Amino acid sequence: MKIKTKLDLGVGLLFILIIILSLVSAYYIFLIKKDTQNILKANYNTLEYSRNMLLSLENIGTNENQAIVLFEKNLKNQMANITEAGEDKKTNSLQNNFNFLKNNRNNQQIKNQIREDIFEIMKLNMNAIKQKSDVATKTAETANLWIAITGTLCFLIAFNLLVNLPNNIANPIRELTASIKEIANKNYSERVNFMNHNEYGDLAKSFNTMAQKLEEYSNSNLHKLSFEKKRLETLINNMHDPIIGFDNNGVILFVNNEALKIIGMKSEEVIGKLATTLALTNDLMKSLIVGNLESDNQKKLPMTIFADSKESYFEKEIINITIKPTGEDQTIDIGDVIILRNITVFKELDFAKTNFIATVSHELKTPISSIKMSLQLLEKEETGKINDDQKQLINSIKEDSQRLLKITGELLDLSQVETGNIHLNIDNSNPYEIINYATEAVKVQAEQKGIHIISDAEENLPLVKADSEKTSWVLINFLTNAITYSSENSKIIVKLKKDQNTIIFQVIDTGKGIDNRYKNKVFDKYFQIPGSHKLGTGLGLAISKEFIEAQHGTIAVESELGLGSTFSIQLNAV
């Protein structure tokens, strides 16, 4: 039976019984009221009339006319209110005796007869009142019985509904709730077992069907793929670096919350859209796409993006995603992932370090210059004669002060490079003059080790677009390193040649060479090859790289361990 039918029958029956109880109560109350009214109208009024007639009878003789009128009035009312058996005979006898009394007012025997008739009438009505009171009492008892029976039936039905109905409704819901919790805990084998032919049975059947389909889905590969996809999405969203994924057509496949923050767009506005379309209205997306077109030999500077309520720095990394399809040998490109690594903290520390180095280097330069000037004064004969030991000490101090001055100069140059304050004077320069200036600058140092510097320059080379001072500084740095790491009585070749629209400067030595492990690191700041003489700061080549790239040139090194090294720079020809 349907739950709705049970509710309709139970509540409907209870409602009908309540109506019956109300009708029975009203019916018996009406009967009791009718009996009470009958007593008042039929019997009580007769008693009242009889009492008045007795009083009037006593007054006949003293106030005869008024007493007779009052008696006649009550007698007339009594004759109109005859309701009991035998009351009519007594009333007629009373009327006849009263008529006789009116003609013989002093007849005491007639008065006694009238009193007897009145008493008989009163006795009849008193008995009638007692009988009718018994009837009313019986009616009340019957009413109480039927009301009690009907009320008991209502109570039993209501109690049955109170006990059974909540359980009939709540127990299936409780069981269904427990099963839903099991399904939520991925126990897809859970089933609901009540199979009544009611609404809960239909619900249980639908629930079991759903659970069966979920179990089939859970056991399928599709579920595993979906689960892994959700786990990957959660992992990407929890990463602190902005990440954007593209397919091979440039359509955005995924973007994490950090990337949405800096892009300033919502997920539904980005996912599934072409990156080129978004780039038309979003500057950051445009810079990301344009950045992909940069050549590998260009220096990739950190991106400046306003994030976290301040100017932040991000380092972009592009990861190409490829797969090898099953049964095939060739990999195919399926898209790219852009990762923006937030390097703001490191950039701020780098700025602080650069400012500190610049300040310290600037402050050291003045006292070092003073030391050199003092040494020059000491070397003059006018100052006084010095012995050999003093002269050796002065030379040692001069070499150390010269090295310190070089270091402070490199640190100042580095601070200019890192703050972007490189002052370049790019002009049409003569490449021959540049290499001549560089070789002359290190001539004395080379002669001390017996090293011969050979210039090998092509003829009729065009001018070069370069800052001659900075380029010479780089060549001097190359030559100084070559002299340092070359053996005595060796040679160093300085080549100058043209390659298409560029001029190439090369410094070739036959020194110990550089291990392949370190060739990609020699241009890093503060890097020094392990096992080498650590005479400098490790900044010379890093500054050289910055100077050349600032002139839109390139710098490179070729070396084999034990066979020497070739450092070269390439600048645009005029």
Protein backbone atom coordinates (compact mmCIF):
# COMPACT_ATOMS: atom_id res chain seq x y z
CA MET A 1 0.00 0.00 0.00
CA LYS A 2 1.26 3.46 -0.85
CA ILE A 3 2.37 5.73 1.97
CA LYS A 4 0.00 8.39 0.71
CA THR A 5 -2.92 5.91 0.82
CA LYS A 6 -2.00 4.92 4.39
CA LEU A 7 -1.89 8.53 5.44
CA ASP A 8 -5.18 9.29 3.70
CA LEU A 9 -6.94 6.30 5.31
CA GLY A 10 -5.54 6.86 8.80
CA VAL A 11 -6.07 10.59 8.94
CA GLY A 12 -9.41 10.30 7.07
CA LEU A 13 -10.75 7.68 9.50
CA LEU A 14 -9.59 9.77 12.44
CA PHE A 15 -11.29 12.79 10.92
CA ILE A 16 -14.56 10.85 10.39
CA LEU A 17 -14.51 9.56 13.97
CA ILE A 18 -13.96 13.07 15.28
CA ILE A 19 -16.98 14.22 13.24
CA ILE A 20 -19.06 11.29 14.58
CA LEU A 21 -17.94 12.12 18.11
CA SER A 22 -18.98 15.71 17.57
CA LEU A 23 -22.38 14.68 16.13
CA VAL A 24 -23.09 12.18 18.92
CA SER A 25 -22.14 14.74 21.54
CA ALA A 26 -24.34 17.37 19.93
CA TYR A 27 -27.25 14.92 19.59
CA TYR A 28 -27.24 13.85 23.21
CA ILE A 29 -26.72 17.37 24.45
CA PHE A 30 -29.80 18.30 22.41
CA LEU A 31 -31.82 15.45 24.01
CA ILE A 32 -30.74 16.46 27.52
CA LYS A 33 -31.62 20.06 26.74
CA LYS A 34 -35.03 18.95 25.39
CA ASP A 35 -35.78 16.91 28.51
CA THR A 36 -34.79 19.78 30.74
CA GLN A 37 -36.93 22.23 28.81
CA ASN A 38 -39.87 19.78 28.95
CA ILE A 39 -39.61 19.59 32.74
CA LEU A 40 -39.51 23.37 33.02
CA LYS A 41 -42.39 23.98 30.62
CA ALA A 42 -44.76 21.13 31.47
CA ASN A 43 -44.33 20.47 35.16
CA TYR A 44 -42.56 23.31 36.85
CA ASN A 45 -45.09 25.83 35.47
CA THR A 46 -48.00 23.70 36.74
CA LEU A 47 -46.47 23.64 40.21
CA GLU A 48 -46.12 27.40 40.07
CA TYR A 49 -49.77 27.80 39.02
CA SER A 50 -50.91 25.42 41.78
CA ARG A 51 -48.96 27.32 44.43
CA ASN A 52 -50.57 30.63 43.32
CA MET A 53 -54.06 29.08 43.36
CA LEU A 54 -53.53 27.82 46.93
CA LEU A 55 -52.49 31.31 48.02
CA SER A 56 -55.48 32.85 46.29
CA LEU A 57 -57.83 30.27 47.91
CA GLU A 58 -56.59 31.27 51.35
CA ASN A 59 -57.39 34.95 50.58
CA ILE A 60 -61.01 34.28 49.56
CA GLY A 61 -62.99 35.65 52.43
CA THR A 62 -60.81 38.66 53.18
CA ASN A 63 -60.05 40.07 49.77
CA GLU A 64 -62.48 38.05 47.76
CA ASN A 65 -62.62 39.83 44.40
CA GLN A 66 -58.85 40.10 43.92
CA ALA A 67 -58.29 36.54 45.13
CA ILE A 68 -60.96 35.17 42.77
CA VAL A 69 -59.45 37.04 39.80
CA LEU A 70 -55.92 35.69 40.60
CA PHE A 71 -57.28 32.16 41.06
CA GLU A 72 -59.13 32.29 37.75
CA LYS A 73 -55.97 33.49 35.98
CA ASN A 74 -53.79 30.66 37.31
CA LEU A 75 -56.59 28.14 36.70
CA LYS A 76 -56.80 29.27 33.09
CA ASN A 77 -52.99 28.88 32.69
CA GLN A 78 -53.19 25.42 34.24
CA MET A 79 -55.92 24.34 31.86
CA ALA A 80 -53.67 25.38 28.98
CA ASN A 81 -50.67 23.44 30.44
CA ILE A 82 -52.19 19.96 30.95
CA THR A 83 -49.34 17.50 30.05
CA GLU A 84 -49.67 14.46 32.32
CA ALA A 85 -52.11 11.54 32.32
CA GLY A 86 -55.10 12.15 34.68
CA GLU A 87 -54.19 15.79 35.02
CA ASP A 88 -57.12 16.83 32.83
CA LYS A 89 -59.70 15.15 35.14
CA LYS A 90 -58.29 16.78 38.22
CA THR A 91 -58.14 20.13 36.45
CA ASN A 92 -61.78 19.83 35.31
CA SER A 93 -62.84 18.83 38.82
CA LEU A 94 -60.92 21.84 40.15
CA GLN A 95 -62.73 24.10 37.70
CA ASN A 96 -66.18 22.75 38.66
CA ASN A 97 -65.48 23.08 42.37
CA PHE A 98 -64.16 26.62 41.82
CA ASN A 99 -67.32 27.59 39.93
CA PHE A 100 -69.42 26.26 42.78
CA LEU A 101 -67.22 28.15 45.27
CA LYS A 102 -67.81 31.45 43.50
CA ASN A 103 -71.56 31.07 44.38
CA ASN A 104 -70.92 29.76 47.89
CA ARG A 105 -67.78 31.53 48.99
CA ASN A 106 -68.03 30.57 52.62
CA ASN A 107 -68.48 26.85 51.97
CA GLN A 108 -65.54 25.33 53.75
CA GLN A 109 -66.13 21.86 52.37
CA ILE A 110 -65.78 23.10 48.79
CA LYS A 111 -62.53 24.86 49.67
CA ASN A 112 -61.20 21.61 51.09
CA GLN A 113 -62.19 19.80 47.90
CA ILE A 114 -60.41 22.47 45.82
CA ARG A 115 -57.27 22.09 47.96
CA GLU A 116 -57.39 18.35 47.45
CA ASP A 117 -57.67 18.79 43.67
CA ILE A 118 -54.71 21.19 43.63
CA PHE A 119 -52.61 18.77 45.68
CA GLU A 120 -53.47 15.94 43.29
CA ILE A 121 -52.38 18.07 40.33
CA MET A 122 -49.13 18.94 42.13
CA LYS A 123 -48.54 15.29 42.99
CA LEU A 124 -49.00 14.25 39.36
CA ASN A 125 -46.44 16.85 38.18
CA MET A 126 -44.00 16.00 40.96
CA ASN A 127 -44.06 12.39 39.89
CA ALA A 128 -43.69 13.47 36.26
CA ILE A 129 -40.65 15.59 37.18
CA LYS A 130 -39.07 12.57 38.86
CA GLN A 131 -39.73 10.35 35.85
CA LYS A 132 -38.42 12.93 33.37
CA SER A 133 -35.34 13.50 35.53
CA ASP A 134 -34.67 9.77 35.39
CA VAL A 135 -35.04 9.88 31.58
CA ALA A 136 -32.59 12.83 31.37
CA THR A 137 -30.14 10.97 33.60
CA LYS A 138 -30.39 7.89 31.40
CA THR A 139 -29.89 10.05 28.30
CA ALA A 140 -26.76 11.58 29.88
CA GLU A 141 -25.41 8.14 30.74
CA THR A 142 -26.05 6.92 27.20
CA ALA A 143 -24.33 10.05 25.86
CA ASN A 144 -21.34 9.43 28.11
CA LEU A 145 -21.16 5.82 26.88
CA TRP A 146 -21.24 6.67 23.19
CA ILE A 147 -18.89 9.61 23.61
CA ALA A 148 -16.49 7.34 25.53
CA ILE A 149 -16.71 4.64 22.83
CA THR A 150 -16.15 7.12 20.00
CA GLY A 151 -13.39 8.93 21.93
CA THR A 152 -11.68 5.59 22.66
CA LEU A 153 -11.76 4.67 18.98
CA CYS A 154 -10.27 8.07 18.10
CA PHE A 155 -7.59 7.60 20.74
CA LEU A 156 -6.71 4.11 19.52
CA ILE A 157 -6.45 5.24 15.91
CA ALA A 158 -4.46 8.35 16.87
CA PHE A 159 -2.17 6.25 19.10
CA ASN A 160 -1.66 3.75 16.29
CA LEU A 161 -0.75 6.57 13.92
CA LEU A 162 1.56 8.08 16.54
CA VAL A 163 3.37 4.80 17.10
CA ASN A 164 3.52 3.36 13.58
CA LEU A 165 3.40 6.31 11.18
CA PRO A 166 6.68 8.02 12.26
CA ASN A 167 8.52 4.68 12.12
CA ASN A 168 7.01 3.84 8.74
CA ILE A 169 8.30 7.18 7.43
CA ALA A 170 11.52 7.66 9.43
CA ASN A 171 12.98 4.13 9.29
CA PRO A 172 13.24 3.97 5.48
CA ILE A 173 14.62 7.52 5.41
CA ARG A 174 17.19 6.55 8.09
CA GLU A 175 18.22 3.48 6.11
CA LEU A 176 18.37 5.49 2.90
CA THR A 177 20.52 8.15 4.60
CA ALA A 178 22.96 5.51 5.84
CA SER A 179 23.20 4.06 2.33
CA ILE A 180 23.81 7.51 0.83
CA LYS A 181 26.67 8.04 3.32
CA GLU A 182 28.17 4.72 2.24
CA ILE A 183 27.92 5.77 -1.41
CA ALA A 184 29.58 9.10 -0.50
CA ASN A 185 32.43 7.08 1.06
CA LYS A 186 32.84 5.30 -2.32
CA ASN A 187 31.24 2.04 -1.11
CA TYR A 188 29.30 1.63 -4.34
CA SER A 189 28.28 -1.95 -3.47
CA GLU A 190 25.82 -0.61 -0.88
CA ARG A 191 22.13 -1.36 -1.59
CA VAL A 192 18.83 -0.41 0.03
CA ASN A 193 16.95 -3.57 1.05
CA PHE A 194 13.34 -2.46 1.67
CA MET A 195 11.16 -3.48 -1.25
CA ASN A 196 7.63 -2.46 -0.20
CA HIS A 197 5.18 -1.57 -2.93
CA ASN A 198 5.05 2.07 -2.01
CA GLU A 199 6.91 5.28 -2.66
CA TYR A 200 9.89 4.05 -0.64
CA GLY A 201 10.04 0.90 -2.72
CA ASP A 202 10.21 3.01 -5.89
CA LEU A 203 12.87 5.21 -4.29
CA ALA A 204 14.89 2.16 -3.20
CA LYS A 205 14.70 0.71 -6.70
CA SER A 206 15.95 3.97 -8.24
CA PHE A 207 18.68 4.26 -5.60
CA ASN A 208 19.92 0.72 -6.19
CA THR A 209 19.99 1.37 -9.94
CA MET A 210 22.04 4.50 -9.37
CA ALA A 211 24.43 2.65 -7.02
CA GLN A 212 24.87 -0.11 -9.59
CA LYS A 213 25.74 2.40 -12.32
CA LEU A 214 28.17 4.17 -9.96
CA GLU A 215 29.80 0.84 -9.16
CA GLU A 216 30.18 0.08 -12.85
CA TYR A 217 31.60 3.56 -13.44
CA SER A 218 33.98 3.22 -10.48
CA ASN A 219 35.32 -0.05 -11.87
CA SER A 220 35.82 1.42 -15.33
CA ASN A 221 38.95 3.11 -16.73
CA LEU A 222 36.93 6.27 -17.27
CA HIS A 223 36.60 6.70 -13.52
CA LYS A 224 40.32 6.23 -13.03
CA LEU A 225 41.07 8.78 -15.74
CA SER A 226 38.59 11.23 -14.23
CA PHE A 227 40.07 10.72 -10.77
CA GLU A 228 43.60 11.29 -12.03
CA LYS A 229 42.44 14.38 -13.92
CA LYS A 230 40.88 15.82 -10.77
CA ARG A 231 44.02 15.02 -8.76
CA LEU A 232 46.20 16.71 -11.37
CA GLU A 233 43.91 19.77 -11.43
CA THR A 234 44.03 19.96 -7.62
CA LEU A 235 47.82 19.67 -7.66
CA ILE A 236 48.14 22.43 -10.27
CA ASN A 237 45.70 24.69 -8.39
CA ASN A 238 47.64 24.24 -5.14
CA MET A 239 50.92 25.32 -6.71
CA HIS A 240 52.06 28.83 -5.80
CA ASP A 241 53.47 29.55 -9.26
CA PRO A 242 51.12 30.65 -12.07
CA ILE A 243 50.67 27.82 -14.61
CA ILE A 244 48.92 27.90 -18.00
CA GLY A 245 48.56 24.89 -20.32
CA PHE A 246 47.98 25.06 -24.10
CA ASP A 247 47.29 22.45 -26.72
CA ASN A 248 49.21 22.38 -29.98
CA ASN A 249 46.68 24.79 -31.53
CA GLY A 250 47.13 27.43 -28.83
CA VAL A 251 43.84 26.69 -27.05
CA ILE A 252 44.08 27.08 -23.27
CA LEU A 253 43.40 23.73 -21.59
CA PHE A 254 43.94 24.63 -17.95
CA VAL A 255 44.98 27.57 -15.79
CA ASN A 256 45.49 27.57 -12.04
CA ASN A 257 44.20 30.11 -9.52
CA GLU A 258 47.52 31.95 -9.24
CA ALA A 259 47.57 32.54 -12.99
CA LEU A 260 43.95 33.76 -12.93
CA LYS A 261 44.89 36.29 -10.25
CA ILE A 262 47.65 37.93 -12.28
CA ILE A 263 45.70 37.70 -15.57
CA GLY A 264 42.67 39.28 -13.91
CA MET A 265 40.13 36.95 -15.54
CA LYS A 266 37.77 34.17 -14.49
CA SER A 267 38.27 30.50 -15.32
CA GLU A 268 35.26 30.33 -17.65
CA GLU A 269 36.61 33.32 -19.57
CA VAL A 270 39.92 31.55 -20.25
CA ILE A 271 39.43 27.78 -20.50
CA GLY A 272 38.80 26.64 -24.06
CA LYS A 273 39.71 30.01 -25.61
CA LEU A 274 42.47 30.69 -28.11
CA ALA A 275 45.44 32.41 -26.49
CA THR A 276 45.77 34.70 -29.50
CA THR A 277 42.15 35.83 -29.07
CA LEU A 278 42.68 36.62 -25.39
CA ALA A 279 45.91 38.43 -26.24
CA LEU A 280 43.90 41.03 -28.15
CA THR A 281 42.34 42.31 -24.91
CA ASN A 282 44.79 41.11 -22.24
CA ASP A 283 48.29 42.61 -22.19
CA LEU A 284 49.77 39.94 -19.95
CA MET A 285 48.55 37.13 -22.19
CA LYS A 286 49.95 39.06 -25.14
CA SER A 287 53.37 39.33 -23.51
CA LEU A 288 53.34 35.59 -22.74
CA ILE A 289 52.59 34.69 -26.36
CA VAL A 290 55.01 37.23 -27.82
CA GLY A 291 57.65 35.90 -25.45
CA ASN A 292 57.33 32.49 -27.08
CA LEU A 293 58.52 33.99 -30.36
CA GLU A 294 61.84 35.14 -28.92
CA SER A 295 64.88 33.34 -30.22
CA ASP A 296 66.86 31.16 -27.89
CA ASN A 297 69.99 33.32 -28.10
CA GLN A 298 68.20 36.36 -26.79
CA LYS A 299 68.50 37.11 -23.11
CA LYS A 300 65.24 36.38 -21.35
CA LEU A 301 64.71 39.02 -18.73
CA PRO A 302 62.33 38.50 -15.78
CA MET A 303 58.77 39.64 -16.42
CA THR A 304 57.53 42.50 -14.29
CA ILE A 305 53.90 41.94 -13.24
CA PHE A 306 51.80 43.76 -10.67
CA ALA A 307 50.82 41.01 -8.23
CA ASP A 308 50.17 40.77 -4.49
CA SER A 309 49.63 44.56 -4.38
CA LYS A 310 53.19 45.27 -5.53
CA GLU A 311 55.47 45.08 -8.51
CA SER A 312 56.61 41.46 -8.73
CA TYR A 313 59.14 39.63 -10.85
CA PHE A 314 58.46 36.35 -12.63
CA GLU A 315 60.78 34.07 -14.55
CA LYS A 316 59.01 32.39 -17.43
CA GLU A 317 59.66 28.75 -18.24
CA ILE A 318 58.11 27.10 -21.28
CA ILE A 319 57.85 23.30 -21.18
CA ASN A 320 57.05 21.55 -24.44
CA ILE A 321 54.86 18.47 -23.92
CA THR A 322 55.39 15.56 -26.28
CA ILE A 323 54.15 11.98 -26.30
CA LYS A 324 55.03 8.84 -28.20
CA PRO A 325 51.85 7.13 -29.44
CA THR A 326 51.59 3.40 -28.87
CA GLY A 327 53.24 1.45 -31.64
CA GLU A 328 55.00 4.47 -33.13
CA ASP A 329 58.61 5.58 -32.98
CA GLN A 330 58.15 9.30 -33.50
CA THR A 331 57.05 11.64 -30.72
CA ILE A 332 54.36 14.22 -31.42
CA ASP A 333 53.86 17.65 -29.95
CA ILE A 334 50.63 17.95 -27.96
CA GLY A 335 51.06 21.38 -26.38
CA ASP A 336 53.02 23.62 -24.05
CA VAL A 337 52.93 24.57 -20.38
CA ILE A 338 54.02 28.02 -19.23
CA ILE A 339 55.24 28.29 -15.65
CA LEU A 340 55.87 31.73 -14.14
CA ARG A 341 58.20 31.35 -11.21
CA ASN A 342 57.87 34.16 -8.70
CA ILE A 343 61.40 35.42 -8.05
CA THR A 344 60.39 38.69 -6.39
CA VAL A 345 62.05 37.79 -3.07
CA PHE A 346 65.30 36.85 -4.79
CA LYS A 347 65.16 39.96 -6.96
CA GLU A 348 64.72 42.16 -3.91
CA LEU A 349 67.68 40.46 -2.23
CA ASP A 350 69.68 40.89 -5.43
CA PHE A 351 68.87 44.61 -5.51
CA ALA A 352 69.96 44.93 -1.89
CA LYS A 353 73.19 43.04 -2.61
CA THR A 354 73.91 45.19 -5.68
CA ASN A 355 73.38 48.40 -3.76
CA PHE A 356 75.60 47.14 -0.97
CA ILE A 357 78.37 46.11 -3.39
CA ALA A 358 78.17 49.44 -5.22
CA THR A 359 78.38 51.39 -1.96
CA VAL A 360 81.26 49.36 -0.54
CA SER A 361 83.18 49.38 -3.84
CA HIS A 362 82.78 53.13 -4.19
CA GLU A 363 83.94 53.69 -0.64
CA LEU A 364 86.98 51.41 -1.11
CA LYS A 365 88.07 52.99 -4.35
CA THR A 366 89.14 56.27 -2.75
CA PRO A 367 91.42 54.83 -0.01
CA ILE A 368 92.97 52.40 -2.53
CA SER A 369 93.75 55.29 -4.86
CA SER A 370 95.31 57.11 -1.91
CA ILE A 371 97.47 54.07 -1.18
CA LYS A 372 98.68 53.99 -4.79
CA MET A 373 99.47 57.67 -4.71
CA SER A 374 101.41 57.24 -1.46
CA LEU A 375 103.38 54.38 -3.01
CA GLN A 376 104.26 56.55 -5.99
CA LEU A 377 105.57 59.22 -3.61
CA LEU A 378 107.62 56.62 -1.76
CA GLU A 379 109.24 55.49 -5.01
CA LYS A 380 110.50 59.00 -5.80
CA GLU A 381 114.09 59.78 -4.77
CA GLU A 382 113.01 63.18 -3.41
CA THR A 383 111.11 61.37 -0.68
CA GLY A 384 114.18 59.50 0.46
CA LYS A 385 116.29 56.48 -0.35
CA ILE A 386 114.82 53.01 0.18
CA ASN A 387 116.67 49.73 0.51
CA ASP A 388 115.92 46.56 -1.41
CA ASP A 389 113.71 45.09 1.28
CA GLN A 390 111.63 48.26 1.42
CA LYS A 391 111.44 48.34 -2.36
CA GLN A 392 110.19 44.73 -2.43
CA LEU A 393 107.57 45.58 0.21
CA ILE A 394 106.44 48.62 -1.80
CA ASN A 395 106.09 46.49 -4.96
CA SER A 396 104.06 43.91 -3.02
CA ILE A 397 101.77 46.64 -1.68
CA LYS A 398 101.46 48.12 -5.18
CA GLU A 399 100.43 44.74 -6.67
CA ASP A 400 97.86 44.14 -3.94
CA SER A 401 96.44 47.66 -4.25
CA GLN A 402 96.27 47.25 -8.04
CA ARG A 403 94.39 43.95 -7.59
CA LEU A 404 92.00 45.56 -5.08
CA LEU A 405 91.43 48.46 -7.43
CA LYS A 406 90.61 46.02 -10.23
CA ILE A 407 88.21 44.12 -7.99
CA THR A 408 86.41 47.30 -6.90
CA GLY A 409 86.21 48.38 -10.53
CA GLU A 410 84.64 45.04 -11.49
CA LEU A 411 82.18 45.27 -8.60
CA LEU A 412 81.18 48.78 -9.67
CA ASP A 413 80.75 47.58 -13.26
CA LEU A 414 78.65 44.66 -11.99
CA SER A 415 76.40 46.97 -9.98
CA GLN A 416 75.86 49.06 -13.12
CA VAL A 417 75.01 45.94 -15.09
CA GLU A 418 72.55 44.57 -12.52
CA THR A 419 70.74 47.88 -12.06
CA GLY A 420 70.54 48.42 -15.82
CA ASN A 421 72.65 51.57 -15.63
CA ILE A 422 75.26 50.55 -18.20
CA HIS A 423 76.43 53.70 -19.96
CA LEU A 424 77.20 52.72 -23.53
CA ASN A 425 78.65 54.90 -26.23
CA ILE A 426 77.91 52.82 -29.30
CA ASP A 427 79.47 54.28 -32.40
CA ASN A 428 81.06 53.20 -35.65
CA SER A 429 84.34 51.90 -34.24
CA ASN A 430 87.53 50.66 -35.89
CA PRO A 431 88.01 46.96 -34.99
CA TYR A 432 91.79 47.20 -35.58
CA GLU A 433 92.09 49.99 -33.02
CA ILE A 434 90.12 47.94 -30.49
CA ILE A 435 92.44 44.91 -30.66
CA ASN A 436 95.55 47.12 -30.74
CA TYR A 437 94.40 48.90 -27.58
CA ALA A 438 93.69 45.59 -25.84
CA THR A 439 97.00 43.96 -26.78
CA GLU A 440 98.99 47.03 -25.75
CA ALA A 441 97.22 47.05 -22.37
CA VAL A 442 98.42 43.52 -21.51
CA LYS A 443 101.79 43.69 -23.28
CA VAL A 444 103.83 44.14 -20.11
CA GLN A 445 101.97 41.35 -18.30
CA ALA A 446 102.57 38.99 -21.25
CA GLU A 447 106.25 39.87 -21.48
CA GLN A 448 106.72 38.99 -17.81
CA LYS A 449 105.77 35.36 -18.64
CA GLY A 450 107.50 35.35 -22.02
CA ILE A 451 104.17 35.00 -23.82
CA HIS A 452 103.98 36.22 -27.38
CA ILE A 453 100.68 37.82 -28.49
CA ILE A 454 100.02 37.41 -32.23
CA SER A 455 97.42 39.52 -34.06
CA ASP A 456 95.76 37.76 -36.99
CA ALA A 457 93.36 40.21 -38.61
CA GLU A 458 91.77 40.12 -42.02
CA GLU A 459 92.34 43.15 -44.19
CA ASN A 460 89.84 45.81 -45.21
CA LEU A 461 87.32 44.98 -42.52
CA PRO A 462 84.38 47.37 -42.13
CA LEU A 463 83.72 49.42 -39.03
CA VAL A 464 81.82 47.78 -36.19
CA LYS A 465 78.84 49.08 -34.21
CA ALA A 466 80.30 48.97 -30.71
CA ASP A 467 81.31 50.85 -27.61
CA SER A 468 85.04 50.70 -28.21
CA GLU A 469 85.90 51.18 -24.52
CA LYS A 470 83.62 48.40 -23.25
CA THR A 471 84.66 46.06 -26.09
CA SER A 472 88.34 46.70 -25.39
CA TRP A 473 87.67 45.98 -21.71
CA VAL A 474 86.20 42.60 -22.66
CA LEU A 475 89.18 41.74 -24.89
CA ILE A 476 91.58 42.80 -22.15
CA ASN A 477 89.72 40.48 -19.77
CA PHE A 478 90.04 37.62 -22.29
CA LEU A 479 93.74 38.30 -22.75
CA THR A 480 94.40 38.62 -19.02
CA ASN A 481 92.75 35.25 -18.37
CA ALA A 482 94.65 33.70 -21.28
CA ILE A 483 97.94 35.00 -19.92
CA THR A 484 97.10 33.78 -16.42
CA TYR A 485 96.27 30.22 -17.47
CA SER A 486 98.89 29.85 -20.24
CA SER A 487 102.32 28.44 -19.63
CA GLU A 488 105.48 30.55 -19.98
CA ASN A 489 106.98 31.15 -23.42
CA SER A 490 103.70 30.20 -25.10
CA LYS A 491 101.67 32.22 -27.56
CA ILE A 492 98.22 33.79 -27.67
CA ILE A 493 96.47 34.56 -30.97
CA VAL A 494 94.04 37.46 -31.34
CA LYS A 495 91.95 36.91 -34.46
CA LEU A 496 89.78 39.43 -36.23
CA LYS A 497 87.55 38.32 -39.09
CA LYS A 498 84.24 38.94 -40.84
CA ASP A 499 81.33 36.53 -40.92
CA GLN A 500 78.48 37.77 -43.13
CA ASN A 501 77.33 41.06 -41.52
CA THR A 502 79.25 40.62 -38.28
CA ILE A 503 82.81 41.10 -37.04
CA ILE A 504 84.25 38.35 -34.84
CA PHE A 505 86.96 38.97 -32.22
CA GLN A 506 88.72 35.81 -30.96
CA VAL A 507 91.34 35.23 -28.27
CA ILE A 508 92.96 31.80 -28.66
CA ASP A 509 95.34 30.33 -26.08
CA THR A 510 97.07 26.98 -25.63
CA GLY A 511 96.52 26.78 -21.89
CA LYS A 512 95.01 24.02 -19.75
CA GLY A 513 91.53 24.40 -21.28
CA ILE A 514 88.12 24.06 -19.64
CA ASP A 515 86.29 20.88 -18.74
CA ASN A 516 83.00 20.37 -20.64
CA ARG A 517 81.15 20.37 -17.32
CA TYR A 518 82.05 24.01 -16.71
CA LYS A 519 81.85 25.58 -20.18
CA ASN A 520 78.23 26.65 -19.68
CA LYS A 521 79.02 28.19 -16.30
CA VAL A 522 82.07 30.32 -17.03
CA PHE A 523 79.89 33.36 -17.76
CA ASP A 524 77.98 33.04 -14.48
CA LYS A 525 78.65 35.58 -11.74
CA TYR A 526 81.22 34.58 -9.10
CA PHE A 527 81.93 31.27 -10.84
CA GLN A 528 85.53 30.05 -10.82
CA ILE A 529 86.66 26.77 -12.31
CA PRO A 530 87.49 24.31 -9.53
CA GLY A 531 91.25 23.79 -9.17
CA SER A 532 92.15 27.09 -10.86
CA HIS A 533 94.15 29.92 -9.29
CA LYS A 534 91.51 32.04 -7.58
CA LEU A 535 93.13 35.39 -8.17
CA GLY A 536 89.98 37.36 -9.04
CA THR A 537 86.33 37.63 -8.12
CA GLY A 538 84.80 35.48 -10.83
CA LEU A 539 83.02 38.53 -12.23
CA GLY A 540 85.13 39.38 -15.29
CA LEU A 541 83.45 37.03 -17.77
CA ALA A 542 79.98 37.72 -16.33
CA ILE A 543 80.49 41.48 -16.82
CA SER A 544 81.94 40.84 -20.29
CA LYS A 545 78.79 38.93 -21.25
CA GLU A 546 76.58 41.79 -20.06
CA PHE A 547 78.66 44.39 -21.95
CA ILE A 548 78.52 42.46 -25.23
CA GLU A 549 74.83 41.55 -25.03
CA ALA A 550 74.01 45.17 -24.22
CA GLN A 551 75.58 45.98 -27.63
CA HIS A 552 73.31 43.35 -29.28
CA GLY A 553 76.26 41.03 -29.73
CA THR A 554 77.04 37.48 -28.63
CA ILE A 555 79.82 35.96 -26.56
CA ALA A 556 80.99 32.35 -26.65
CA VAL A 557 83.70 29.95 -25.58
CA GLU A 558 85.13 26.83 -27.21
CA SER A 559 87.54 24.69 -25.23
CA GLU A 560 88.96 21.24 -24.79
CA LEU A 561 90.69 20.14 -21.66
CA GLY A 562 94.50 20.28 -22.16
CA LEU A 563 94.26 21.91 -25.62
CA GLY A 564 93.48 25.51 -24.72
CA SER A 565 90.43 27.77 -25.10
CA THR A 566 88.96 30.18 -27.64
CA PHE A 567 86.88 33.08 -26.33
CA SER A 568 85.03 35.08 -28.99
CA ILE A 569 82.66 37.99 -29.33
CA GLN A 570 80.52 38.80 -32.34
CA LEU A 571 79.29 42.33 -33.11
CA ASN A 572 77.34 43.80 -35.98
CA ALA A 573 79.30 45.41 -38.78
CA VAL A 574 78.37 48.82 -40.16
